[in-house]
N, C-alpha and C. Protein backbone atom coordinates (compact mmCIF):
# COMPACT_ATOMS: atom_id res chain seq x y z
N MET A 1 163.14 165.85 -36.51
CA MET A 1 162.57 165.71 -35.18
C MET A 1 164.07 165.33 -34.46
N ALA A 2 164.37 166.30 -33.06
CA ALA A 2 165.46 165.91 -32.10
C ALA A 2 164.50 164.32 -31.46
N ALA A 3 165.37 163.62 -31.12
CA ALA A 3 165.21 162.70 -30.41
C ALA A 3 164.72 162.80 -28.96
N LEU A 4 163.88 162.14 -28.37
CA LEU A 4 163.23 162.41 -26.67
C LEU A 4 163.90 161.43 -25.84
N SER A 5 164.65 162.07 -25.18
CA SER A 5 165.28 161.64 -24.26
C SER A 5 165.42 161.84 -22.07
N LEU A 6 164.35 162.64 -22.49
CA LEU A 6 164.19 163.09 -20.88
C LEU A 6 163.29 161.94 -19.95
N LEU A 7 163.12 161.15 -20.62
CA LEU A 7 161.63 160.46 -19.70
C LEU A 7 162.46 159.43 -19.42
N GLU A 8 161.89 158.50 -18.07
CA GLU A 8 162.51 157.60 -17.68
C GLU A 8 161.99 156.35 -18.30
N PRO A 9 162.45 155.24 -17.98
CA PRO A 9 161.93 154.20 -18.62
C PRO A 9 160.73 153.37 -18.06
N ARG A 10 160.02 154.29 -16.92
CA ARG A 10 158.80 153.49 -16.32
C ARG A 10 157.37 153.30 -17.58
N ALA A 11 157.53 154.69 -18.64
CA ALA A 11 156.67 154.20 -19.26
C ALA A 11 157.12 155.21 -20.77
N GLN A 12 156.47 155.40 -21.94
CA GLN A 12 156.87 155.73 -23.06
C GLN A 12 155.89 156.74 -23.24
N ALA A 13 156.74 158.06 -23.97
CA ALA A 13 156.19 158.58 -24.93
C ALA A 13 157.04 158.76 -26.28
N HIS A 14 156.57 158.95 -27.47
CA HIS A 14 156.55 159.11 -28.76
C HIS A 14 156.63 160.47 -29.43
N GLN A 15 157.58 160.55 -30.01
CA GLN A 15 157.53 161.79 -30.72
C GLN A 15 156.58 161.64 -32.28
N ARG A 16 156.48 160.71 -32.69
CA ARG A 16 155.65 160.29 -34.18
C ARG A 16 154.31 160.64 -33.76
N TRP A 17 153.30 161.76 -34.03
CA TRP A 17 152.17 161.53 -34.00
C TRP A 17 151.40 160.64 -33.96
N ASP A 18 151.69 159.70 -35.12
CA ASP A 18 150.97 158.32 -35.19
C ASP A 18 150.87 157.27 -34.08
N ALA A 19 151.75 157.62 -33.34
CA ALA A 19 152.06 156.58 -32.51
C ALA A 19 151.21 156.60 -30.95
N ILE A 20 150.12 157.65 -31.04
CA ILE A 20 149.35 158.33 -30.41
C ILE A 20 148.15 156.64 -29.99
N HIS A 21 148.25 156.55 -31.47
CA HIS A 21 147.24 155.15 -31.70
C HIS A 21 147.34 153.73 -31.13
N HIS A 22 148.85 153.80 -30.46
CA HIS A 22 148.91 152.35 -29.90
C HIS A 22 148.39 152.85 -28.63
N PRO A 23 148.04 151.56 -27.75
CA PRO A 23 147.43 151.41 -26.30
C PRO A 23 148.14 151.55 -25.74
N GLN A 24 149.82 151.56 -25.41
CA GLN A 24 150.45 151.77 -24.58
C GLN A 24 151.15 153.09 -24.30
N THR A 25 150.44 154.01 -25.47
CA THR A 25 151.13 155.22 -25.53
C THR A 25 149.93 156.47 -25.00
N ARG A 26 150.21 157.01 -24.25
CA ARG A 26 149.47 157.94 -23.43
C ARG A 26 149.90 159.57 -23.96
N ILE A 27 150.68 159.69 -24.07
CA ILE A 27 151.09 161.06 -24.34
C ILE A 27 152.17 160.81 -25.83
N VAL A 28 152.29 161.46 -26.22
CA VAL A 28 153.50 162.12 -28.00
C VAL A 28 153.56 163.51 -27.82
N ILE A 29 155.14 163.25 -27.80
CA ILE A 29 155.41 164.74 -27.35
C ILE A 29 156.67 165.31 -28.92
N ASP A 30 156.21 166.43 -28.99
CA ASP A 30 156.75 166.82 -30.40
C ASP A 30 157.56 167.68 -29.99
N LYS A 31 158.87 167.90 -29.49
CA LYS A 31 159.74 168.91 -28.95
C LYS A 31 159.91 170.20 -30.41
N ASP A 32 160.02 170.82 -29.60
CA ASP A 32 160.64 172.26 -30.29
C ASP A 32 160.05 172.37 -31.59
N ALA A 33 158.67 172.00 -31.77
CA ALA A 33 158.06 171.97 -33.06
C ALA A 33 157.21 173.50 -33.81
N VAL A 34 157.30 173.96 -32.45
CA VAL A 34 156.45 175.51 -32.67
C VAL A 34 157.33 176.70 -31.76
N LEU A 35 158.17 177.26 -33.18
CA LEU A 35 158.95 178.76 -32.44
C LEU A 35 158.52 180.09 -33.42
N LEU A 36 157.58 180.95 -32.38
CA LEU A 36 156.83 181.79 -33.51
C LEU A 36 158.28 182.98 -32.78
N PRO A 37 158.17 184.23 -33.39
CA PRO A 37 158.49 185.30 -32.96
C PRO A 37 158.51 185.99 -31.79
N ARG A 38 159.28 186.42 -30.89
CA ARG A 38 158.55 186.99 -29.93
C ARG A 38 157.87 188.09 -29.75
N GLY A 39 158.32 188.76 -30.99
CA GLY A 39 157.28 190.33 -31.31
C GLY A 39 155.95 189.67 -31.52
N ASP A 40 155.94 188.14 -31.95
CA ASP A 40 154.37 188.05 -32.33
C ASP A 40 153.63 187.66 -31.51
N ILE A 41 154.14 187.38 -30.29
CA ILE A 41 153.94 186.71 -29.12
C ILE A 41 153.66 187.67 -27.78
N GLU A 42 154.46 188.68 -27.74
CA GLU A 42 154.16 189.38 -26.81
C GLU A 42 152.74 190.73 -26.72
N PRO A 43 152.50 190.88 -28.04
CA PRO A 43 151.26 192.02 -28.07
C PRO A 43 149.82 191.41 -27.39
N LEU A 44 150.08 189.45 -27.63
CA LEU A 44 148.96 188.81 -26.95
C LEU A 44 149.14 188.73 -25.57
N LEU A 45 150.39 188.46 -25.01
CA LEU A 45 150.87 188.56 -23.77
C LEU A 45 150.11 189.64 -23.15
N ASP A 46 150.04 190.68 -23.66
CA ASP A 46 149.99 192.22 -22.98
C ASP A 46 148.32 191.83 -22.71
N ILE A 47 148.10 191.42 -23.43
CA ILE A 47 146.31 191.22 -23.39
C ILE A 47 146.13 190.45 -22.49
N ALA A 48 146.79 189.57 -22.14
CA ALA A 48 145.80 188.51 -21.24
C ALA A 48 145.75 189.13 -19.72
N PRO A 49 144.25 188.12 -19.35
CA PRO A 49 143.96 187.04 -19.77
C PRO A 49 142.61 187.24 -20.78
N PHE A 50 142.70 186.30 -21.70
CA PHE A 50 141.66 186.16 -22.84
C PHE A 50 141.67 184.42 -23.14
N GLY A 51 140.36 184.31 -24.21
CA GLY A 51 140.03 182.90 -24.39
C GLY A 51 139.55 183.08 -25.64
N TYR A 52 140.06 182.88 -26.73
CA TYR A 52 139.30 182.82 -28.70
C TYR A 52 139.04 181.47 -28.37
N ARG A 53 137.67 180.91 -29.03
CA ARG A 53 137.62 179.29 -28.94
C ARG A 53 136.89 179.46 -30.41
N VAL A 54 136.74 178.95 -31.39
CA VAL A 54 136.16 178.47 -32.63
C VAL A 54 135.87 177.06 -32.88
N ALA A 55 135.49 176.66 -33.67
CA ALA A 55 135.25 175.09 -34.17
C ALA A 55 134.93 175.22 -35.47
N GLY A 56 135.32 174.04 -36.27
CA GLY A 56 134.93 174.09 -38.09
C GLY A 56 136.15 173.21 -38.61
N ARG A 57 136.15 173.23 -39.87
CA ARG A 57 137.32 172.82 -40.39
C ARG A 57 137.93 173.92 -40.76
N PRO A 58 139.61 173.00 -40.35
CA PRO A 58 141.02 173.33 -40.27
C PRO A 58 140.95 174.55 -41.34
N GLU A 59 140.43 174.92 -42.27
CA GLU A 59 140.64 175.40 -43.61
C GLU A 59 140.44 176.61 -42.98
N THR A 60 138.96 176.84 -42.61
CA THR A 60 138.17 177.64 -42.21
C THR A 60 138.11 178.70 -40.72
N LEU A 61 139.32 177.91 -39.78
CA LEU A 61 139.01 178.36 -38.48
C LEU A 61 139.92 179.65 -38.40
N LEU A 62 140.59 180.05 -39.32
CA LEU A 62 141.00 181.38 -38.84
C LEU A 62 140.15 182.40 -39.29
N ALA A 63 139.34 182.53 -39.95
CA ALA A 63 138.30 183.82 -40.39
C ALA A 63 137.47 183.78 -38.91
N GLU A 64 137.15 182.89 -38.02
CA GLU A 64 136.60 182.89 -37.06
C GLU A 64 137.22 183.68 -36.18
N LEU A 65 138.39 183.47 -36.10
CA LEU A 65 139.45 183.97 -35.18
C LEU A 65 139.42 185.57 -35.24
N PRO A 66 140.00 186.29 -34.08
CA PRO A 66 140.18 187.84 -34.49
C PRO A 66 141.61 187.68 -34.97
N PRO A 67 141.97 188.81 -36.02
CA PRO A 67 143.47 189.26 -36.17
C PRO A 67 144.34 188.37 -35.03
N LEU A 68 145.13 187.29 -35.88
CA LEU A 68 146.30 187.40 -35.26
C LEU A 68 147.65 187.60 -36.04
N PRO A 69 148.49 187.52 -35.44
CA PRO A 69 150.01 187.57 -36.44
C PRO A 69 149.96 186.64 -37.40
N GLU A 70 150.52 186.58 -38.38
CA GLU A 70 150.73 185.71 -39.61
C GLU A 70 151.19 184.67 -39.18
N SER A 71 152.28 184.51 -38.76
CA SER A 71 153.24 183.26 -38.07
C SER A 71 152.31 182.42 -37.04
N LEU A 72 151.41 183.08 -36.22
CA LEU A 72 150.34 182.49 -35.30
C LEU A 72 148.97 181.47 -35.86
N GLY A 73 148.56 182.62 -36.93
CA GLY A 73 147.80 182.04 -37.69
C GLY A 73 148.10 181.17 -38.68
N ARG A 74 149.68 180.71 -39.21
CA ARG A 74 150.01 179.99 -39.86
C ARG A 74 150.18 178.54 -38.94
N CYS A 75 150.59 179.24 -37.75
CA CYS A 75 150.62 177.85 -37.07
C CYS A 75 149.79 177.16 -36.44
N ILE A 76 148.53 177.59 -36.00
CA ILE A 76 147.29 177.01 -35.87
C ILE A 76 146.62 176.49 -37.29
N ALA A 77 146.33 176.99 -38.13
CA ALA A 77 146.02 176.43 -39.18
C ALA A 77 146.70 174.83 -39.81
N VAL A 78 147.87 174.75 -39.47
CA VAL A 78 148.95 173.49 -39.83
C VAL A 78 148.76 172.73 -39.16
N LEU A 79 148.66 172.87 -37.72
CA LEU A 79 148.24 172.31 -36.46
C LEU A 79 147.28 171.63 -36.11
N ALA A 80 146.11 172.51 -37.08
CA ALA A 80 144.45 172.16 -36.98
C ALA A 80 144.45 170.92 -38.14
N ALA A 81 145.36 171.26 -39.09
CA ALA A 81 144.64 170.43 -40.08
C ALA A 81 145.67 169.23 -39.93
N ARG A 82 146.86 168.91 -39.04
CA ARG A 82 147.49 167.81 -38.86
C ARG A 82 146.69 166.97 -38.07
N PHE A 83 146.39 167.74 -36.43
CA PHE A 83 145.46 167.05 -36.03
C PHE A 83 143.97 166.35 -36.24
N ALA A 84 143.34 167.20 -37.69
CA ALA A 84 142.02 166.28 -37.98
C ALA A 84 142.94 165.35 -38.97
N SER A 85 143.78 165.37 -39.78
CA SER A 85 144.36 163.92 -40.59
C SER A 85 144.44 162.73 -39.53
N LEU A 86 145.30 163.25 -38.30
CA LEU A 86 145.28 162.19 -37.51
C LEU A 86 144.07 161.36 -36.87
N MET A 87 143.44 162.70 -36.83
CA MET A 87 142.07 161.88 -35.91
C MET A 87 140.95 161.30 -36.69
N GLN A 88 141.05 161.78 -37.96
CA GLN A 88 140.24 161.21 -39.28
C GLN A 88 139.09 162.29 -39.06
N CYS A 89 139.10 163.59 -38.86
CA CYS A 89 137.67 164.16 -38.64
C CYS A 89 137.79 165.39 -39.14
N GLU A 90 136.62 165.64 -39.43
CA GLU A 90 136.60 166.90 -40.77
C GLU A 90 136.93 168.44 -39.84
N THR A 91 136.12 168.11 -38.61
CA THR A 91 136.18 169.22 -38.00
C THR A 91 137.09 169.24 -36.85
N VAL A 92 137.32 170.67 -35.97
CA VAL A 92 138.14 170.83 -34.74
C VAL A 92 137.61 171.61 -33.90
N ARG A 93 138.08 171.87 -32.59
CA ARG A 93 137.64 172.83 -31.84
C ARG A 93 139.18 173.34 -31.60
N VAL A 94 139.34 174.73 -31.77
CA VAL A 94 140.39 175.24 -31.05
C VAL A 94 140.52 176.64 -29.76
N ARG A 95 140.96 176.64 -28.75
CA ARG A 95 141.24 177.76 -28.15
C ARG A 95 142.60 178.22 -28.05
N LEU A 96 142.32 179.47 -28.27
CA LEU A 96 143.98 180.09 -28.10
C LEU A 96 143.58 181.09 -26.66
N GLU A 97 144.13 180.75 -25.88
CA GLU A 97 144.26 181.44 -24.42
C GLU A 97 145.11 181.90 -24.12
N GLY A 98 145.48 183.41 -23.31
CA GLY A 98 146.42 184.26 -22.87
C GLY A 98 145.90 183.94 -20.99
N VAL A 99 146.73 183.31 -20.57
CA VAL A 99 146.67 182.86 -19.01
C VAL A 99 147.51 183.63 -18.40
N THR A 100 146.79 183.82 -16.90
CA THR A 100 147.73 185.08 -15.94
C THR A 100 147.52 183.78 -14.67
N GLY A 101 146.67 182.98 -14.43
CA GLY A 101 146.45 182.40 -13.14
C GLY A 101 146.53 181.33 -13.17
N ASN A 102 145.81 180.19 -12.30
CA ASN A 102 146.15 178.88 -12.10
C ASN A 102 144.88 178.45 -13.09
N ALA A 103 144.48 177.90 -14.02
CA ALA A 103 143.88 177.16 -15.08
C ALA A 103 144.06 176.03 -14.80
N CYS A 104 143.09 175.03 -14.29
CA CYS A 104 143.41 173.55 -14.58
C CYS A 104 144.60 173.21 -13.62
N ARG A 105 144.68 174.17 -12.16
CA ARG A 105 145.91 173.38 -11.58
C ARG A 105 145.98 172.01 -10.95
N LYS A 106 144.45 170.92 -10.71
CA LYS A 106 144.79 169.97 -10.31
C LYS A 106 145.30 168.67 -11.74
N VAL A 107 145.79 167.81 -11.26
CA VAL A 107 146.28 166.72 -12.13
C VAL A 107 145.34 165.94 -12.40
N HIS A 108 144.84 165.78 -13.81
CA HIS A 108 143.71 165.10 -14.41
C HIS A 108 143.48 164.95 -15.57
N ALA A 109 142.64 163.84 -16.01
CA ALA A 109 142.67 163.56 -17.63
C ALA A 109 141.42 164.11 -17.81
N ASP A 110 141.30 164.71 -19.21
CA ASP A 110 140.47 165.21 -19.75
C ASP A 110 139.59 164.20 -20.25
N TYR A 111 137.91 164.67 -19.97
CA TYR A 111 136.78 163.51 -21.10
C TYR A 111 137.23 164.09 -22.99
N THR A 112 137.73 163.55 -23.28
CA THR A 112 137.87 163.40 -24.43
C THR A 112 138.63 162.57 -25.13
N ASP A 113 138.60 162.32 -26.46
CA ASP A 113 139.44 161.47 -26.90
C ASP A 113 141.20 162.00 -26.69
N LEU A 114 141.41 162.88 -27.31
CA LEU A 114 142.86 163.44 -27.61
C LEU A 114 142.66 165.20 -27.65
N ARG A 115 143.42 165.44 -27.11
CA ARG A 115 144.24 167.10 -26.92
C ARG A 115 145.53 167.18 -27.29
N LEU A 116 145.45 168.06 -28.22
CA LEU A 116 146.81 168.80 -28.34
C LEU A 116 146.90 169.86 -27.39
N ILE A 117 148.05 170.17 -26.73
CA ILE A 117 148.30 171.27 -26.15
C ILE A 117 149.77 171.50 -26.39
N CYS A 118 149.64 172.99 -26.93
CA CYS A 118 151.15 173.97 -26.82
C CYS A 118 151.10 175.26 -26.26
N THR A 119 151.99 174.99 -25.21
CA THR A 119 152.27 176.40 -24.59
C THR A 119 153.06 177.02 -25.70
N LEU A 120 153.06 177.98 -26.04
CA LEU A 120 153.52 179.02 -27.10
C LEU A 120 154.40 180.23 -26.18
N ALA A 121 154.41 180.31 -25.31
CA ALA A 121 154.66 181.19 -24.48
C ALA A 121 154.88 181.25 -23.09
N GLY A 122 155.82 181.15 -21.98
CA GLY A 122 155.41 180.85 -20.26
C GLY A 122 155.37 179.24 -20.45
N PRO A 123 155.72 178.74 -18.66
CA PRO A 123 155.91 177.41 -19.01
C PRO A 123 154.73 176.73 -19.42
N GLY A 124 155.26 175.40 -20.02
CA GLY A 124 154.47 174.38 -20.45
C GLY A 124 153.61 173.64 -19.41
N THR A 125 152.76 172.59 -19.92
CA THR A 125 152.43 171.99 -19.49
C THR A 125 152.99 170.95 -18.24
N ASP A 126 152.65 170.41 -17.37
CA ASP A 126 153.43 169.68 -16.48
C ASP A 126 152.54 167.72 -16.70
N TYR A 127 152.73 166.83 -16.81
CA TYR A 127 152.36 165.72 -17.08
C TYR A 127 153.03 164.41 -16.37
N ALA A 128 152.37 163.63 -16.25
CA ALA A 128 152.52 162.35 -15.84
C ALA A 128 152.60 161.33 -16.59
N LEU A 129 153.41 160.33 -16.77
CA LEU A 129 153.52 158.78 -17.64
C LEU A 129 152.60 157.72 -16.55
N ASP A 130 152.59 157.97 -15.87
CA ASP A 130 151.81 156.92 -14.74
C ASP A 130 150.42 157.57 -14.37
N ASP A 131 149.53 156.45 -13.43
CA ASP A 131 147.78 156.60 -13.03
C ASP A 131 148.10 157.46 -11.53
N ASP A 132 149.44 158.16 -11.06
CA ASP A 132 149.46 158.52 -9.91
C ASP A 132 149.39 160.14 -9.69
N PRO A 133 148.51 160.92 -9.25
CA PRO A 133 148.20 162.42 -9.64
C PRO A 133 148.96 163.00 -8.40
N GLU A 134 149.58 162.04 -7.50
CA GLU A 134 150.49 162.53 -6.57
C GLU A 134 151.69 162.61 -6.64
N GLY A 135 152.11 161.74 -8.15
CA GLY A 135 153.51 161.55 -8.28
C GLY A 135 154.06 162.28 -9.00
N GLN A 136 155.04 161.81 -9.44
CA GLN A 136 155.73 162.84 -10.03
C GLN A 136 155.76 163.51 -11.81
N LEU A 137 155.97 164.61 -11.70
CA LEU A 137 155.73 165.63 -12.99
C LEU A 137 156.51 165.62 -13.85
N THR A 138 156.46 165.92 -15.14
CA THR A 138 157.48 166.20 -16.00
C THR A 138 156.80 167.68 -16.59
N ARG A 139 157.66 168.54 -16.94
CA ARG A 139 157.12 169.52 -18.03
C ARG A 139 157.26 169.85 -19.10
N LEU A 140 156.56 169.86 -19.98
CA LEU A 140 156.80 170.20 -21.54
C LEU A 140 157.46 171.21 -21.66
N PRO A 141 158.61 171.56 -22.92
CA PRO A 141 158.84 172.80 -22.81
C PRO A 141 157.79 173.67 -23.56
N THR A 142 158.38 174.94 -23.55
CA THR A 142 157.55 176.44 -24.41
C THR A 142 157.64 175.81 -25.99
N GLY A 143 156.64 175.63 -26.64
CA GLY A 143 156.99 175.40 -27.92
C GLY A 143 156.61 173.65 -28.46
N ALA A 144 156.84 172.91 -27.27
CA ALA A 144 156.40 171.44 -27.71
C ALA A 144 154.76 171.32 -27.48
N ILE A 145 154.46 170.54 -28.73
CA ILE A 145 153.53 170.04 -28.96
C ILE A 145 153.31 168.44 -28.13
N GLY A 146 152.11 168.45 -27.15
CA GLY A 146 151.32 167.70 -26.09
C GLY A 146 150.12 166.85 -27.03
N LEU A 147 150.31 165.77 -27.26
CA LEU A 147 149.17 165.05 -27.51
C LEU A 147 149.03 164.50 -26.63
N PHE A 148 147.95 164.60 -26.15
CA PHE A 148 147.32 163.99 -24.63
C PHE A 148 145.90 162.83 -24.45
N LYS A 149 146.13 162.06 -24.46
CA LYS A 149 145.08 161.06 -24.50
C LYS A 149 144.29 161.10 -23.31
N GLY A 150 142.75 161.07 -23.58
CA GLY A 150 141.92 161.59 -22.70
C GLY A 150 140.81 160.08 -22.29
N HIS A 151 140.21 160.35 -21.38
CA HIS A 151 139.52 159.18 -20.82
C HIS A 151 138.74 158.36 -22.16
N ALA A 152 137.91 159.03 -22.89
CA ALA A 152 137.01 158.76 -24.57
C ALA A 152 137.97 158.03 -25.36
N PHE A 153 139.31 157.98 -25.51
CA PHE A 153 140.39 157.35 -26.73
C PHE A 153 139.66 156.28 -27.03
N GLY A 154 139.63 155.33 -26.22
CA GLY A 154 138.70 153.90 -26.82
C GLY A 154 139.24 153.07 -25.65
N GLU A 155 138.81 151.77 -25.71
CA GLU A 155 138.81 150.82 -24.46
C GLU A 155 140.73 150.45 -24.78
N GLY A 156 140.86 150.13 -23.96
CA GLY A 156 142.26 149.47 -23.74
C GLY A 156 143.46 150.65 -23.77
N HIS A 157 143.03 151.51 -23.72
CA HIS A 157 143.91 152.86 -23.89
C HIS A 157 143.60 153.53 -23.01
N ARG A 158 145.20 154.06 -22.18
CA ARG A 158 144.93 154.47 -20.59
C ARG A 158 145.30 155.89 -20.72
N PRO A 159 144.29 157.55 -20.21
CA PRO A 159 144.74 158.86 -20.39
C PRO A 159 145.55 159.14 -19.77
N CYS A 160 146.24 160.28 -20.39
CA CYS A 160 147.64 160.82 -19.82
C CYS A 160 147.38 161.87 -18.54
N LEU A 161 147.60 162.24 -17.70
CA LEU A 161 147.15 162.66 -16.19
C LEU A 161 148.31 164.40 -16.70
N HIS A 162 147.86 165.08 -16.26
CA HIS A 162 148.72 166.73 -16.50
C HIS A 162 147.85 167.89 -15.49
N ARG A 163 148.41 168.96 -15.95
CA ARG A 163 147.79 169.95 -15.18
C ARG A 163 148.66 171.23 -15.67
N SER A 164 148.27 172.38 -15.96
CA SER A 164 148.63 173.35 -16.12
C SER A 164 149.22 173.82 -14.99
N PRO A 165 150.88 174.95 -14.71
CA PRO A 165 151.27 174.92 -14.34
C PRO A 165 151.06 176.24 -13.02
N PRO A 166 151.16 176.18 -11.94
CA PRO A 166 150.62 177.02 -10.86
C PRO A 166 151.65 178.25 -11.23
N ILE A 167 150.63 179.59 -11.97
CA ILE A 167 151.21 180.53 -11.93
C ILE A 167 150.71 182.13 -11.10
N GLU A 168 149.72 181.21 -10.25
CA GLU A 168 149.01 182.60 -9.75
C GLU A 168 150.04 183.32 -9.04
N ASP A 169 149.93 184.81 -9.20
CA ASP A 169 150.88 185.77 -8.01
C ASP A 169 152.20 185.90 -8.63
N SER A 170 152.65 185.16 -9.56
CA SER A 170 154.68 184.83 -10.03
C SER A 170 154.23 186.30 -11.19
N GLY A 171 153.54 186.99 -11.54
CA GLY A 171 153.80 187.68 -12.83
C GLY A 171 154.18 186.70 -13.90
N GLU A 172 153.86 185.64 -14.01
CA GLU A 172 154.37 185.03 -15.73
C GLU A 172 152.94 185.00 -16.43
N ARG A 173 152.93 185.04 -17.65
CA ARG A 173 151.94 184.72 -18.68
C ARG A 173 152.29 183.52 -19.97
N ARG A 174 151.09 182.96 -19.70
CA ARG A 174 151.12 182.13 -20.84
C ARG A 174 150.30 182.08 -22.07
N LEU A 175 150.69 181.99 -23.16
CA LEU A 175 149.97 181.79 -24.23
C LEU A 175 149.74 180.49 -24.53
N VAL A 176 148.60 180.01 -24.39
CA VAL A 176 148.27 178.23 -24.92
C VAL A 176 147.53 178.21 -25.92
N LEU A 177 147.80 177.22 -26.92
CA LEU A 177 147.08 176.81 -27.84
C LEU A 177 146.43 175.17 -27.52
N VAL A 178 145.03 174.85 -27.76
CA VAL A 178 144.49 173.50 -27.41
C VAL A 178 143.94 173.28 -28.71
N ILE A 179 143.52 172.19 -29.03
CA ILE A 179 143.18 171.66 -30.02
C ILE A 179 142.36 170.06 -29.95
N ASP A 180 140.96 170.13 -30.42
CA ASP A 180 140.19 169.06 -29.90
C ASP A 180 139.68 168.48 -31.08
N THR A 181 139.23 167.22 -30.97
CA THR A 181 137.90 167.00 -31.83
C THR A 181 136.46 167.52 -31.70
N PRO A 182 135.93 167.23 -32.36
CA PRO A 182 134.56 167.55 -31.79
C PRO A 182 133.56 166.86 -30.93
N PRO A 183 132.87 167.28 -30.26
CA PRO A 183 131.96 166.50 -29.09
C PRO A 183 131.40 165.30 -30.30
N ARG A 184 131.36 163.78 -29.35
CA ARG A 184 131.03 162.64 -30.18
C ARG A 184 129.26 163.40 -29.62
N ALA A 185 128.62 162.74 -31.08
CA ALA A 185 127.15 162.60 -30.98
C ALA A 185 126.71 161.13 -29.92
N THR A 186 126.02 161.53 -28.93
CA THR A 186 125.36 160.97 -28.12
C THR A 186 124.18 159.98 -28.79
N ALA A 187 123.93 158.99 -28.69
CA ALA A 187 122.62 158.15 -28.92
C ALA A 187 121.07 158.48 -28.15
N GLY A 188 120.22 158.37 -28.61
CA GLY A 188 118.93 159.23 -27.58
C GLY A 188 118.03 159.35 -27.71
């Protein structure tokens, strides 16, 4: 893994996935983790906008998705299994989206425990290392994996503010993979 050197010293981002369990870590960035052949991505960008959503055990997710290029299917399966192992859950939720507009353009933190976001094509997700939604944002590179801590991660943990980059009317398209833990059951 390459060293992460682009961040200011005011907060920390780590590249080791297990660092997300540390209370001071809001985001883990695994740079250059995913590189798919452009020829596998272009056909999906050509049909954007779209959104595929599935949930289940990592080893069975691909059967629930429409046919995908083999490299992308392998990528989803590997990342889903690694994410499930990190979060010690048997099932995950996966979203694969072709985005042509301004999705989630406001700086926010998710109401989940942890969310994996990887922009496979187009501009990456913008994030902040502090609590200021009006503050400086840094953009994840295309192909980098971001593990974004949400509001529900646990007591003593701070969420990571982020947003989708504004691309409305720019002609840009994004292919975004999102992996979440399953919703928690509520007592009641």
